[in-house]
């Protein structure tokens, strides 16, 4: 077997040093050397017949490789299957991140409880943060059937892999990757080198044994996954819990997925029985008041393969401060500043002496530019104190020249709006359907001023 050695690698220039020093001798950066594990080359190349994926290493023509579709395993949770791209792929590594207490461990415990009922071998739940009693109490509180779920309390990766090789589970959960360490390195648990080396061994084990592995990842105060960025490159799928842990609804977004579409959304509701699926997300995000209020408009966003209706609210108010505030919840703050500048330049409406607050109801984050038109319509509605029709939906991207650009999947968005009873839609001209849709009036617009005139609120005084 190959012998294990350690070295120290610079995170800036990748220079390698046999021992730790405060300043990198190559690039001169301070405190950038991290301990890493290196493997001595075997005495002969014949010892490397088995490749990283567990098959014999050989060169072949690409078109001669038989393309076999990945066999997916249904987790029993429809929303999670949707985010994963149709189910769990054997041998895949799924990394789940989110704020503390948002429901990561709860979701995975529910998942392996359902998988234990269909898997030929019991799944393995490895916890490095909780005692067996704590995990058992959570399972009892959630009312889960876990009589076939095996539990391991361990933080050393070598012992975990030895146990997994003996048990041969089809699904394994590591909660969490920041608590796992290897004795080959001397650094503390949770350090960059420990997380990277532990994850590398788990990835190799999953590929060679065809085991599906869930990794729970901690996040920093900025919301990013703690540890090295390479962790996200090593895994197959990265899922993020979005929203505040204090809210009722939980939204899971696929940031990376080698087996499906990215930006897919899964919506859950947190209850005393755990996370429950929300089959119709549009309904929960349309919690509008009975009476029409200014500053509120409905838009149709398209996340992954699913169109979804969300409510965009805006509040515009005069401010005595020399620097007005620009606050965006669920949207990009910089994008809001750009849209307000376009509204002033091409719509003739100034907000430079007013605070502007924009919020997407329900805690969902909208990453696409199709929300541009809805944001400005909501801002103008609040500014003029004019209510909009509850049967109106808008979507469209706004360019710097004041033009309204098309967005993908326009017809699907309109059909989703019509399905929920909306009768009027203001959309980019290029997104107008060639054939008239039933039960919904489509108003195509080319410029921002055209959209404002179609709403008949651009000249109304506050």
Protein backbone atom coordinates (compact mmCIF):
# COMPACT_ATOMS: atom_id res chain seq x y z
CA UNK A 1 0.00 0.00 0.00
CA UNK A 2 1.05 3.60 -0.60
CA UNK A 3 2.40 5.41 2.43
CA UNK A 4 0.74 8.58 3.68
CA UNK A 5 2.71 11.78 4.15
CA UNK A 6 1.70 15.35 4.86
CA UNK A 7 2.88 18.65 3.49
CA UNK A 8 1.78 22.28 3.64
CA UNK A 9 0.29 23.88 0.56
CA UNK A 10 -0.25 27.62 -0.02
CA UNK A 11 -3.90 28.46 -0.68
CA UNK A 12 -2.86 31.40 -2.89
CA UNK A 13 -0.10 30.11 -5.18
CA UNK A 14 -0.24 26.32 -4.47
CA UNK A 15 3.41 26.25 -3.43
CA UNK A 16 4.32 23.22 -1.27
CA UNK A 17 6.44 23.34 1.85
CA UNK A 18 7.55 20.37 3.98
CA UNK A 19 6.72 22.27 7.20
CA UNK A 20 4.50 25.13 8.25
CA UNK A 21 5.81 28.70 8.05
CA UNK A 22 3.96 31.94 8.68
CA UNK A 23 4.81 33.49 5.31
CA UNK A 24 4.71 31.65 2.01
CA UNK A 25 8.26 31.60 0.56
CA UNK A 26 6.92 31.86 -3.01
CA UNK A 27 4.18 34.52 -3.04
CA UNK A 28 4.89 36.20 0.30
CA UNK A 29 1.33 35.88 1.64
CA UNK A 30 0.89 35.38 5.36
CA UNK A 31 -0.96 32.49 7.05
CA UNK A 32 -1.92 30.77 3.79
CA UNK A 33 -0.18 27.41 4.32
CA UNK A 34 -2.62 24.59 5.08
CA UNK A 35 -1.76 21.02 5.93
CA UNK A 36 -2.64 18.50 3.26
CA UNK A 37 -2.19 14.79 2.76
CA UNK A 38 -0.02 13.50 -0.05
CA UNK A 39 0.38 9.96 -1.27
CA UNK A 40 3.66 8.52 -2.44
CA UNK A 41 3.59 7.00 -5.89
CA UNK A 42 3.53 3.19 -6.03
CA UNK A 43 6.69 1.42 -7.01
CA UNK A 44 5.19 0.38 -10.35
CA UNK A 45 2.40 1.74 -12.52
CA UNK A 46 0.75 -1.70 -12.50
CA UNK A 47 -0.46 -0.97 -8.98
CA UNK A 48 -2.77 1.75 -10.36
CA UNK A 49 -5.10 -0.34 -12.46
CA UNK A 50 -8.20 0.76 -10.55
CA UNK A 51 -9.26 4.31 -11.32
CA UNK A 52 -10.98 6.84 -9.09
CA UNK A 53 -14.44 5.55 -10.04
CA UNK A 54 -13.61 1.95 -9.12
CA UNK A 55 -13.23 0.65 -12.70
CA UNK A 56 -10.05 -0.47 -14.38
CA UNK A 57 -8.16 2.50 -15.76
CA UNK A 58 -7.92 2.26 -19.55
CA UNK A 59 -8.09 4.49 -22.61
CA UNK A 60 -11.06 4.14 -24.95
CA UNK A 61 -12.91 6.06 -27.62
CA UNK A 62 -15.67 8.30 -26.26
CA UNK A 63 -18.27 7.16 -28.79
CA UNK A 64 -17.56 3.55 -27.82
CA UNK A 65 -18.67 4.15 -24.25
CA UNK A 66 -22.16 2.83 -23.62
CA UNK A 67 -24.33 5.65 -22.28
CA UNK A 68 -26.35 4.08 -19.47
CA UNK A 69 -28.97 6.27 -17.88
CA UNK A 70 -28.51 6.74 -14.15
CA UNK A 71 -30.87 4.60 -12.12
CA UNK A 72 -32.59 6.86 -9.61
CA UNK A 73 -33.96 5.90 -6.24
CA UNK A 74 -37.09 7.71 -5.08
CA UNK A 75 -36.57 9.15 -1.60
CA UNK A 76 -40.29 9.12 -0.78
CA UNK A 77 -40.27 12.94 -0.50
CA UNK A 78 -41.55 14.39 -3.77
CA UNK A 79 -40.14 17.88 -3.31
CA UNK A 80 -36.67 16.53 -2.53
CA UNK A 81 -36.83 14.25 -5.57
CA UNK A 82 -37.77 17.27 -7.66
CA UNK A 83 -34.74 19.24 -6.46
CA UNK A 84 -32.43 16.27 -7.02
CA UNK A 85 -33.64 15.98 -10.60
CA UNK A 86 -35.94 12.99 -10.24
CA UNK A 87 -34.49 11.00 -7.37
CA UNK A 88 -31.28 9.94 -5.68
CA UNK A 89 -28.53 8.56 -7.93
CA UNK A 90 -26.42 5.69 -6.62
CA UNK A 91 -22.82 6.71 -5.98
CA UNK A 92 -23.67 10.41 -5.83
CA UNK A 93 -22.55 12.89 -3.17
CA UNK A 94 -25.17 15.41 -2.06
CA UNK A 95 -24.08 18.36 0.07
CA UNK A 96 -26.83 20.15 2.04
CA UNK A 97 -26.12 23.53 3.66
CA UNK A 98 -28.20 26.01 5.60
CA UNK A 99 -28.49 28.11 8.74
CA UNK A 100 -28.48 26.41 12.16
CA UNK A 101 -31.90 25.04 13.09
CA UNK A 102 -33.39 25.42 9.61
CA UNK A 103 -34.10 21.68 9.24
CA UNK A 104 -31.12 19.94 7.62
CA UNK A 105 -30.91 17.04 10.09
CA UNK A 106 -34.71 16.78 10.25
CA UNK A 107 -35.03 16.45 6.48
CA UNK A 108 -32.28 13.83 6.22
CA UNK A 109 -33.69 11.79 9.10
CA UNK A 110 -37.09 11.81 7.39
CA UNK A 111 -35.43 10.85 4.10
CA UNK A 112 -33.50 7.84 5.36
CA UNK A 113 -36.56 6.73 7.33
CA UNK A 114 -38.46 6.44 4.06
CA UNK A 115 -35.47 4.98 2.20
CA UNK A 116 -35.06 2.28 4.86
CA UNK A 117 -38.43 0.87 3.84
CA UNK A 118 -37.38 0.28 0.22
CA UNK A 119 -33.59 -0.12 0.40
CA UNK A 120 -32.30 -3.73 0.36
CA UNK A 121 -29.75 -2.83 3.04
CA UNK A 122 -30.37 -0.55 6.02
CA UNK A 123 -29.10 3.03 5.55
CA UNK A 124 -26.37 4.33 7.84
CA UNK A 125 -26.73 7.60 9.74
CA UNK A 126 -23.38 8.93 11.01
CA UNK A 127 -23.59 11.76 13.52
CA UNK A 128 -20.62 13.68 14.83
CA UNK A 129 -22.58 16.38 16.64
CA UNK A 130 -25.31 14.59 18.57
CA UNK A 131 -25.54 11.62 20.87
CA UNK A 132 -27.57 8.52 19.94
CA UNK A 133 -30.19 9.57 22.50
CA UNK A 134 -30.67 12.95 20.82
CA UNK A 135 -31.15 11.39 17.39
CA UNK A 136 -33.55 8.82 18.83
CA UNK A 137 -35.60 11.52 20.58
CA UNK A 138 -35.90 13.47 17.32
CA UNK A 139 -37.07 10.38 15.47
CA UNK A 140 -39.70 9.71 18.16
CA UNK A 141 -40.86 13.32 18.12
CA UNK A 142 -41.29 13.18 14.35
CA UNK A 143 -43.04 9.81 14.52
CA UNK A 144 -40.61 8.13 12.11
CA UNK A 145 -40.19 4.43 11.46
CA UNK A 146 -36.45 3.94 12.00
CA UNK A 147 -36.29 0.26 12.99
CA UNK A 148 -34.06 -0.43 9.92
CA UNK A 149 -31.88 2.68 10.23
CA UNK A 150 -28.40 2.05 11.62
CA UNK A 151 -26.75 4.77 13.70
CA UNK A 152 -23.04 5.45 14.18
CA UNK A 153 -21.60 8.10 16.47
CA UNK A 154 -18.08 8.73 15.20
CA UNK A 155 -15.91 11.57 13.88
CA UNK A 156 -12.83 9.75 12.57
CA UNK A 157 -13.15 9.15 8.84
CA UNK A 158 -11.10 5.94 8.85
CA UNK A 159 -13.43 4.30 11.39
CA UNK A 160 -16.50 5.56 9.52
CA UNK A 161 -15.34 4.09 6.21
CA UNK A 162 -14.36 0.81 7.87
CA UNK A 163 -17.84 0.51 9.37
CA UNK A 164 -19.50 1.46 6.08
CA UNK A 165 -17.43 -1.10 4.21
CA UNK A 166 -18.61 -3.74 6.66
CA UNK A 167 -22.29 -2.70 6.67
CA UNK A 168 -22.49 -1.97 2.91
CA UNK A 169 -25.33 0.60 3.05
CA UNK A 170 -26.87 1.94 -0.14
CA UNK A 171 -27.44 5.35 1.49
CA UNK A 172 -25.27 7.04 4.11
CA UNK A 173 -25.64 10.37 5.92
CA UNK A 174 -22.71 12.31 7.40
CA UNK A 175 -23.87 14.94 9.90
CA UNK A 176 -21.77 16.98 9.56
CA UNK A 177 -18.67 17.10 7.36
CA UNK A 178 -17.10 19.83 9.54
CA UNK A 179 -16.96 17.43 12.51
CA UNK A 180 -15.15 14.67 10.60
CA UNK A 181 -11.37 14.40 10.84
CA UNK A 182 -8.55 12.12 9.77
CA UNK A 183 -5.57 11.06 11.88
CA UNK A 184 -3.30 11.59 8.89
CA UNK A 185 -3.42 15.35 9.56
CA UNK A 186 -2.60 17.18 12.76
CA UNK A 187 -4.88 20.19 12.21
CA UNK A 188 -8.10 20.71 14.17
CA UNK A 189 -11.55 19.49 13.18
CA UNK A 190 -13.32 21.83 10.78
CA UNK A 191 -10.11 23.23 9.30
CA UNK A 192 -9.71 23.53 5.56
CA UNK A 193 -7.32 20.59 5.30
CA UNK A 194 -9.45 18.29 7.48
CA UNK A 195 -12.67 19.03 5.58
CA UNK A 196 -10.99 18.63 2.21
CA UNK A 197 -9.25 15.33 3.04
CA UNK A 198 -12.30 13.81 4.77
CA UNK A 199 -14.57 14.76 1.87
CA UNK A 200 -12.09 13.34 -0.65
CA UNK A 201 -12.09 9.97 1.11
CA UNK A 202 -15.90 9.94 1.27
CA UNK A 203 -16.18 10.79 -2.43
CA UNK A 204 -13.76 8.01 -3.36
CA UNK A 205 -15.66 5.51 -1.19
CA UNK A 206 -19.02 6.51 -2.70
CA UNK A 207 -17.82 6.15 -6.28
CA UNK A 208 -16.08 2.82 -5.76
CA UNK A 209 -18.90 1.22 -3.74
CA UNK A 210 -21.85 2.90 -5.52
CA UNK A 211 -23.12 4.32 -2.22
CA UNK A 212 -25.24 7.48 -2.18
CA UNK A 213 -23.90 9.86 0.48
CA UNK A 214 -25.56 12.92 2.04
CA UNK A 215 -23.20 15.47 3.60
CA UNK A 216 -24.45 18.15 5.99
CA UNK A 217 -22.41 21.34 5.70
CA UNK A 218 -22.19 24.24 8.13
CA UNK A 219 -22.46 27.79 6.80
CA UNK A 220 -20.61 30.95 7.75
CA UNK A 221 -22.22 34.18 8.92
CA UNK A 222 -22.31 35.29 5.27
CA UNK A 223 -24.41 32.26 4.34
CA UNK A 224 -21.67 30.44 2.40
CA UNK A 225 -20.62 26.87 3.13
CA UNK A 226 -17.84 26.73 5.70
CA UNK A 227 -14.57 25.15 4.66
CA UNK A 228 -12.75 25.14 1.33
CA UNK A 229 -14.53 26.12 -1.86
CA UNK A 230 -13.20 22.94 -3.43
CA UNK A 231 -15.74 21.04 -1.29
CA UNK A 232 -18.53 22.19 -3.61
CA UNK A 233 -16.49 21.13 -6.66
CA UNK A 234 -15.88 17.63 -5.28
CA UNK A 235 -19.54 16.74 -4.69
CA UNK A 236 -22.18 16.01 -7.34
CA UNK A 237 -25.05 18.08 -5.95
CA UNK A 238 -25.16 21.15 -3.71
CA UNK A 239 -28.46 22.04 -2.02
CA UNK A 240 -29.06 25.18 0.03
CA UNK A 241 -31.80 25.94 2.50
CA UNK A 242 -32.99 29.49 1.80
CA UNK A 243 -34.94 31.84 4.00
CA UNK A 244 -35.00 32.50 7.71
CA UNK A 245 -35.13 29.61 10.17
CA UNK A 246 -37.77 31.61 12.11
CA UNK A 247 -40.29 31.44 9.28
CA UNK A 248 -42.72 28.61 8.71
CA UNK A 249 -41.71 27.76 5.15
CA UNK A 250 -38.42 26.23 4.05
CA UNK A 251 -37.11 26.52 0.51
CA UNK A 252 -34.36 24.25 -0.84
CA UNK A 253 -32.51 25.32 -3.98
CA UNK A 254 -30.17 23.21 -6.11
CA UNK A 255 -27.05 25.32 -6.69
CA UNK A 256 -25.20 22.53 -8.48
CA UNK A 257 -26.48 19.25 -9.87
CA UNK A 258 -24.60 16.93 -12.19
CA UNK A 259 -27.70 14.77 -12.62
CA UNK A 260 -30.39 17.42 -13.13
CA UNK A 261 -31.25 21.07 -13.62
CA UNK A 262 -29.84 23.73 -11.34
CA UNK A 263 -31.96 26.36 -9.56
CA UNK A 264 -34.70 23.82 -8.92
CA UNK A 265 -36.79 24.68 -5.87
CA UNK A 266 -38.33 22.45 -3.27
CA UNK A 267 -40.79 24.01 -0.83
CA UNK A 268 -41.53 22.62 2.62
CA UNK A 269 -43.52 23.68 5.64
CA UNK A 270 -42.06 23.20 9.13
CA UNK A 271 -44.53 21.60 11.53
CA UNK A 272 -44.32 19.75 14.83
CA UNK A 273 -44.13 16.54 12.76
CA UNK A 274 -41.13 17.72 10.75
CA UNK A 275 -40.94 19.08 7.23
CA UNK A 276 -44.07 18.63 5.14
CA UNK A 277 -44.15 19.03 1.38
CA UNK A 278 -45.91 21.95 -0.28
CA UNK A 279 -47.27 20.59 -3.54
CA UNK A 280 -48.53 23.96 -4.82
CA UNK A 281 -45.87 26.60 -3.94
CA UNK A 282 -47.65 29.35 -5.84
CA UNK A 283 -50.59 29.21 -3.44
CA UNK A 284 -48.52 29.85 -0.30
CA UNK A 285 -46.65 32.79 -1.83
CA UNK A 286 -49.89 34.55 -2.82
CA UNK A 287 -50.96 35.46 0.70
CA UNK A 288 -52.55 38.74 -0.33
CA UNK A 289 -54.99 40.76 1.73
CA UNK A 290 -58.68 40.75 0.95
CA UNK A 291 -58.48 44.47 0.14
CA UNK A 292 -56.14 45.73 -2.57
CA UNK A 293 -53.18 47.66 -1.18
CA UNK A 294 -50.60 49.90 -2.90
CA UNK A 295 -47.12 48.60 -3.57
CA UNK A 296 -48.07 44.98 -4.23
CA UNK A 297 -47.91 43.08 -7.51
CA UNK A 298 -47.75 39.44 -8.59
CA UNK A 299 -44.98 38.15 -10.84
CA UNK A 300 -44.33 34.74 -12.40
CA UNK A 301 -40.82 33.48 -11.81
CA UNK A 302 -39.33 30.38 -13.38
CA UNK A 303 -37.02 28.41 -11.11
CA UNK A 304 -35.43 25.40 -12.82
CA UNK A 305 -38.29 23.62 -14.59
CA UNK A 306 -41.11 25.03 -12.45
CA UNK A 307 -43.04 28.29 -12.98
CA UNK A 308 -44.11 29.85 -9.71
CA UNK A 309 -46.16 32.89 -8.71
CA UNK A 310 -44.77 35.15 -6.00
CA UNK A 311 -45.83 38.48 -4.57
CA UNK A 312 -43.47 41.46 -4.75
CA UNK A 313 -44.08 44.27 -2.27
CA UNK A 314 -42.54 47.72 -2.22
CA UNK A 315 -42.62 50.62 0.22
CA UNK A 316 -41.45 54.07 -0.87
CA UNK A 317 -41.29 56.82 1.72
CA UNK A 318 -39.72 60.26 2.04
CA UNK A 319 -36.57 60.45 4.14
CA UNK A 320 -34.75 63.31 5.84
CA UNK A 321 -31.44 61.48 5.53
CA UNK A 322 -28.98 62.66 2.87
CA UNK A 323 -28.40 59.03 1.80
CA UNK A 324 -31.71 57.25 1.14
CA UNK A 325 -31.86 53.57 1.98
CA UNK A 326 -32.18 50.82 -0.62
CA UNK A 327 -33.25 47.53 1.00
CA UNK A 328 -34.05 44.41 -1.00
CA UNK A 329 -35.22 41.17 0.66
CA UNK A 330 -35.22 38.19 -1.67
CA UNK A 331 -33.71 40.25 -4.51
CA UNK A 332 -30.31 41.65 -5.44
CA UNK A 333 -29.74 45.02 -3.76
CA UNK A 334 -27.45 46.23 -6.55
CA UNK A 335 -30.07 45.28 -9.12
CA UNK A 336 -32.60 47.43 -7.26
CA UNK A 337 -30.32 50.46 -7.47
CA UNK A 338 -29.91 49.95 -11.23
CA UNK A 339 -33.67 49.65 -11.76
CA UNK A 340 -34.36 52.86 -9.83
CA UNK A 341 -31.84 54.67 -12.03
CA UNK A 342 -33.59 53.35 -15.17
CA UNK A 343 -36.95 54.47 -13.74
CA UNK A 344 -35.59 57.98 -13.31
CA UNK A 345 -33.80 58.19 -16.65
CA UNK A 346 -36.39 56.56 -18.92
CA UNK A 347 -39.58 56.88 -16.86
CA UNK A 348 -39.10 60.41 -15.57
CA UNK A 349 -39.80 59.34 -11.96
CA UNK A 350 -37.17 60.15 -9.32
CA UNK A 351 -36.68 58.40 -5.98
CA UNK A 352 -33.34 59.96 -5.00
CA UNK A 353 -34.88 61.62 -1.91
CA UNK A 354 -36.87 58.58 -0.76
CA UNK A 355 -36.23 55.29 1.01
CA UNK A 356 -37.13 52.25 -1.10
CA UNK A 357 -37.84 48.86 0.48
CA UNK A 358 -38.62 45.80 -1.67
CA UNK A 359 -39.59 42.36 -0.37
CA UNK A 360 -40.50 39.02 -1.94
CA UNK A 361 -43.24 37.49 0.23
CA UNK A 362 -42.65 34.07 1.76
CA UNK A 363 -38.87 34.20 2.14
CA UNK A 364 -38.14 32.91 -1.36
CA UNK A 365 -35.19 34.39 -3.24
CA UNK A 366 -35.60 35.37 -6.89
CA UNK A 367 -32.32 35.18 -8.79
CA UNK A 368 -33.55 35.82 -12.32
CA UNK A 369 -33.93 39.19 -14.04
CA UNK A 370 -37.57 38.47 -14.92
CA UNK A 371 -38.52 40.24 -11.69
CA UNK A 372 -37.30 43.65 -12.96
CA UNK A 373 -40.63 44.86 -14.29
CA UNK A 374 -42.52 43.65 -11.20
CA UNK A 375 -40.11 45.53 -8.91
CA UNK A 376 -40.59 48.85 -10.72
CA UNK A 377 -44.36 48.41 -10.94
CA UNK A 378 -44.53 47.76 -7.19
CA UNK A 379 -42.28 50.76 -6.48
CA UNK A 380 -44.40 53.05 -8.63
CA UNK A 381 -47.62 51.74 -7.08
CA UNK A 382 -46.33 52.58 -3.61
CA UNK A 383 -44.94 55.93 -4.69
CA UNK A 384 -48.23 57.06 -6.26
CA UNK A 385 -50.33 55.32 -3.57
CA UNK A 386 -52.35 53.55 -6.25
CA UNK A 387 -53.62 50.00 -5.94
CA UNK A 388 -53.24 47.49 -8.73
CA UNK A 389 -55.76 44.89 -9.82
CA UNK A 390 -55.57 41.57 -8.00
CA UNK A 391 -55.97 39.83 -11.36
CA UNK A 392 -52.76 41.33 -12.79
CA UNK A 393 -49.39 39.60 -13.23
CA UNK A 394 -46.22 41.07 -14.72
CA UNK A 395 -42.76 39.82 -15.64
CA UNK A 396 -39.91 41.00 -17.83
CA UNK A 397 -36.27 42.07 -17.79
CA UNK A 398 -35.47 45.77 -18.06
CA UNK A 399 -32.37 46.96 -19.92
CA UNK A 400 -30.36 50.08 -19.22
CA UNK A 401 -31.86 51.77 -22.27
CA UNK A 402 -35.38 51.34 -20.89
CA UNK A 403 -36.29 48.43 -23.15
CA UNK A 404 -38.15 45.41 -21.79
CA UNK A 405 -36.32 42.26 -22.79
CA UNK A 406 -37.86 38.79 -23.06
CA UNK A 407 -37.36 36.09 -20.45
CA UNK A 408 -37.24 32.29 -20.91
CA UNK A 409 -40.39 30.15 -20.80
CA UNK A 410 -42.84 33.00 -21.32
CA UNK A 411 -45.77 30.83 -22.41
CA UNK A 412 -45.35 28.50 -19.42
CA UNK A 413 -45.46 31.49 -17.07
CA UNK A 414 -48.66 32.75 -18.65
CA UNK A 415 -50.31 29.34 -18.38
CA UNK A 416 -49.36 29.14 -14.70
CA UNK A 417 -50.93 32.56 -14.12
CA UNK A 418 -54.09 31.60 -15.97
CA UNK A 419 -54.32 28.38 -13.95
CA UNK A 420 -54.46 30.44 -10.74
CA UNK A 421 -57.21 32.75 -12.04
CA UNK A 422 -55.26 35.79 -13.23
CA UNK A 423 -56.92 37.47 -16.17
CA UNK A 424 -54.38 40.14 -17.29
CA UNK A 425 -50.64 39.97 -17.87
CA UNK A 426 -48.11 42.65 -18.86
CA UNK A 427 -45.21 40.89 -20.54
CA UNK A 428 -42.33 41.69 -22.92
CA UNK A 429 -43.41 41.95 -26.52
CA UNK A 430 -41.19 39.04 -27.55
CA UNK A 431 -42.86 36.82 -24.94
CA UNK A 432 -46.36 37.39 -26.28
CA UNK A 433 -47.78 34.05 -27.48
CA UNK A 434 -48.52 33.65 -31.17
CA UNK A 435 -51.86 32.06 -30.39
CA UNK A 436 -54.29 33.72 -28.00
CA UNK A 437 -54.49 32.07 -24.61
CA UNK A 438 -57.85 31.46 -23.05
CA UNK A 439 -58.92 33.21 -19.82
CA UNK A 440 -56.03 35.69 -19.80
CA UNK A 441 -55.45 39.00 -21.61
CA UNK A 442 -51.82 39.49 -22.63
CA UNK A 443 -50.54 43.08 -22.92
CA UNK A 444 -47.19 43.09 -24.76
CA UNK A 445 -44.90 46.08 -24.09
CA UNK A 446 -41.65 47.13 -25.71
CA UNK A 447 -40.43 50.01 -23.53
CA UNK A 448 -40.71 50.90 -19.87
CA UNK A 449 -42.90 53.90 -20.65
CA UNK A 450 -45.31 51.59 -22.50
CA UNK A 451 -45.66 49.43 -19.40
CA UNK A 452 -46.29 52.47 -17.20
CA UNK A 453 -48.95 53.81 -19.54
CA UNK A 454 -50.67 50.44 -19.70
CA UNK A 455 -51.00 50.60 -15.91
CA UNK A 456 -52.39 54.16 -16.02
CA UNK A 457 -50.53 55.19 -12.87
CA UNK A 458 -47.51 57.00 -14.25
CA UNK A 459 -49.16 60.43 -14.10
CA UNK A 460 -51.19 60.01 -10.92
CA UNK A 461 -50.09 62.39 -8.13
CA UNK A 462 -49.16 61.05 -4.72
